[in-house]
Amino acid sequence: MQLNIQTKHAFTVKEFCKSYAIGRTTAYEEIKSGRLQSRKVGRRTLILRIDADNWLADLPAGGPQEQAA
């Protein structure tokens, strides 16, 4: 089953990891640090799409690093 990221309102951690190409350990580290918001429904952890998009937008830009003078 292929996920349609445009229609999902919330992701399980597994779906989030697949959609955003990160591992479960990294996802839980981001949640624990407060950089990624999550919600609990019983034992299930959900990540709202808006929170996932905000997390992605807040990541540092990649590319060449500036050299110190």
C-alpha atoms as a PDB file:
ATOM      1  CA  MET A   1       0.000   0.000   0.000  1.00  0.00           C
ATOM      2  CA  GLN A   2       1.440   3.351  -1.037  1.00  0.00           C
ATOM      3  CA  LEU A   3       0.922   6.322   1.256  1.00  0.00           C
ATOM      4  CA  ASN A   4      -0.550   9.479  -0.204  1.00  0.00           C
ATOM      5  CA  ILE A   5       1.149  12.163   1.867  1.00  0.00           C
ATOM      6  CA  GLN A   6      -1.215  14.832   0.517  1.00  0.00           C
ATOM      7  CA  THR A   7      -4.342  13.265   2.056  1.00  0.00           C
ATOM      8  CA  LYS A   8      -2.960  12.024   5.382  1.00  0.00           C
ATOM      9  CA  HIS A   9      -3.835  14.171   8.401  1.00  0.00           C
ATOM     10  CA  ALA A  10      -1.721  12.135  10.809  1.00  0.00           C
ATOM     11  CA  PHE A  11       0.990   9.497  10.576  1.00  0.00           C
ATOM     12  CA  THR A  12       1.945   6.598  12.774  1.00  0.00           C
ATOM     13  CA  VAL A  13       5.663   6.623  13.534  1.00  0.00           C
ATOM     14  CA  LYS A  14       6.155   3.882  10.931  1.00  0.00           C
ATOM     15  CA  GLU A  15       4.303   5.891   8.250  1.00  0.00           C
ATOM     16  CA  PHE A  16       6.159   9.076   9.196  1.00  0.00           C
ATOM     17  CA  CYS A  17       9.521   7.332   8.914  1.00  0.00           C
ATOM     18  CA  LYS A  18       8.653   5.902   5.506  1.00  0.00           C
ATOM     19  CA  SER A  19       7.240   9.199   4.193  1.00  0.00           C
ATOM     20  CA  TYR A  20      10.124  11.348   5.434  1.00  0.00           C
ATOM     21  CA  ALA A  21      12.889   8.766   4.862  1.00  0.00           C
ATOM     22  CA  ILE A  22      14.233   8.604   8.417  1.00  0.00           C
ATOM     23  CA  GLY A  23      14.692   5.764  10.871  1.00  0.00           C
ATOM     24  CA  ARG A  24      12.539   5.030  13.913  1.00  0.00           C
ATOM     25  CA  THR A  25      15.366   5.824  16.318  1.00  0.00           C
ATOM     26  CA  THR A  26      15.840   9.249  14.736  1.00  0.00           C
ATOM     27  CA  ALA A  27      12.097   9.913  14.820  1.00  0.00           C
ATOM     28  CA  TYR A  28      11.876   9.091  18.528  1.00  0.00           C
ATOM     29  CA  GLU A  29      14.999  11.195  19.235  1.00  0.00           C
ATOM     30  CA  GLU A  30      13.370  14.147  17.463  1.00  0.00           C
ATOM     31  CA  ILE A  31      10.178  13.640  19.510  1.00  0.00           C
ATOM     32  CA  LYS A  32      12.121  13.335  22.774  1.00  0.00           C
ATOM     33  CA  SER A  33      14.103  16.507  22.039  1.00  0.00           C
ATOM     34  CA  GLY A  34      10.903  18.458  21.343  1.00  0.00           C
ATOM     35  CA  ARG A  35      11.831  19.249  17.735  1.00  0.00           C
ATOM     36  CA  LEU A  36       8.996  17.004  16.466  1.00  0.00           C
ATOM     37  CA  GLN A  37       5.564  17.175  18.084  1.00  0.00           C
ATOM     38  CA  SER A  38       3.557  13.990  18.560  1.00  0.00           C
ATOM     39  CA  ARG A  39       0.231  12.950  20.048  1.00  0.00           C
ATOM     40  CA  LYS A  40      -0.698   9.798  21.958  1.00  0.00           C
ATOM     41  CA  VAL A  41      -3.861   7.813  21.299  1.00  0.00           C
ATOM     42  CA  GLY A  42      -3.772   4.932  23.733  1.00  0.00           C
ATOM     43  CA  ARG A  43      -0.384   3.314  23.142  1.00  0.00           C
ATOM     44  CA  ARG A  44      -0.104   4.628  19.583  1.00  0.00           C
ATOM     45  CA  THR A  45       2.044   7.666  18.802  1.00  0.00           C
ATOM     46  CA  LEU A  46       0.714   9.900  16.034  1.00  0.00           C
ATOM     47  CA  ILE A  47       2.420  12.754  14.237  1.00  0.00           C
ATOM     48  CA  LEU A  48       0.137  15.329  12.671  1.00  0.00           C
ATOM     49  CA  ARG A  49       1.008  16.245   9.083  1.00  0.00           C
ATOM     50  CA  ILE A  50       1.320  19.923  10.027  1.00  0.00           C
ATOM     51  CA  ASP A  51       3.820  18.999  12.766  1.00  0.00           C
ATOM     52  CA  ALA A  52       5.763  16.816  10.322  1.00  0.00           C
ATOM     53  CA  ASP A  53       5.857  19.650   7.774  1.00  0.00           C
ATOM     54  CA  ASN A  54       6.990  22.142  10.436  1.00  0.00           C
ATOM     55  CA  TRP A  55       9.721  19.746  11.567  1.00  0.00           C
ATOM     56  CA  LEU A  56      10.932  19.362   7.986  1.00  0.00           C
ATOM     57  CA  ALA A  57      10.920  23.128   7.375  1.00  0.00           C
ATOM     58  CA  ASP A  58      12.929  23.719  10.571  1.00  0.00           C
ATOM     59  CA  LEU A  59      15.744  21.347   9.579  1.00  0.00           C
ATOM     60  CA  PRO A  60      19.012  23.094   8.721  1.00  0.00           C
ATOM     61  CA  ALA A  61      19.733  23.582   5.039  1.00  0.00           C
ATOM     62  CA  GLY A  62      22.331  21.279   3.526  1.00  0.00           C
ATOM     63  CA  GLY A  63      25.170  22.274   1.289  1.00  0.00           C
ATOM     64  CA  PRO A  64      28.726  23.481   1.556  1.00  0.00           C
ATOM     65  CA  GLN A  65      29.730  24.695   4.976  1.00  0.00           C
ATOM     66  CA  GLU A  66      31.210  28.182   5.301  1.00  0.00           C
ATOM     67  CA  GLN A  67      34.886  28.089   6.162  1.00  0.00           C
ATOM     68  CA  ALA A  68      36.046  29.988   9.218  1.00  0.00           C
ATOM     69  CA  ALA A  69      38.272  32.945   8.397  1.00  0.00           C
END
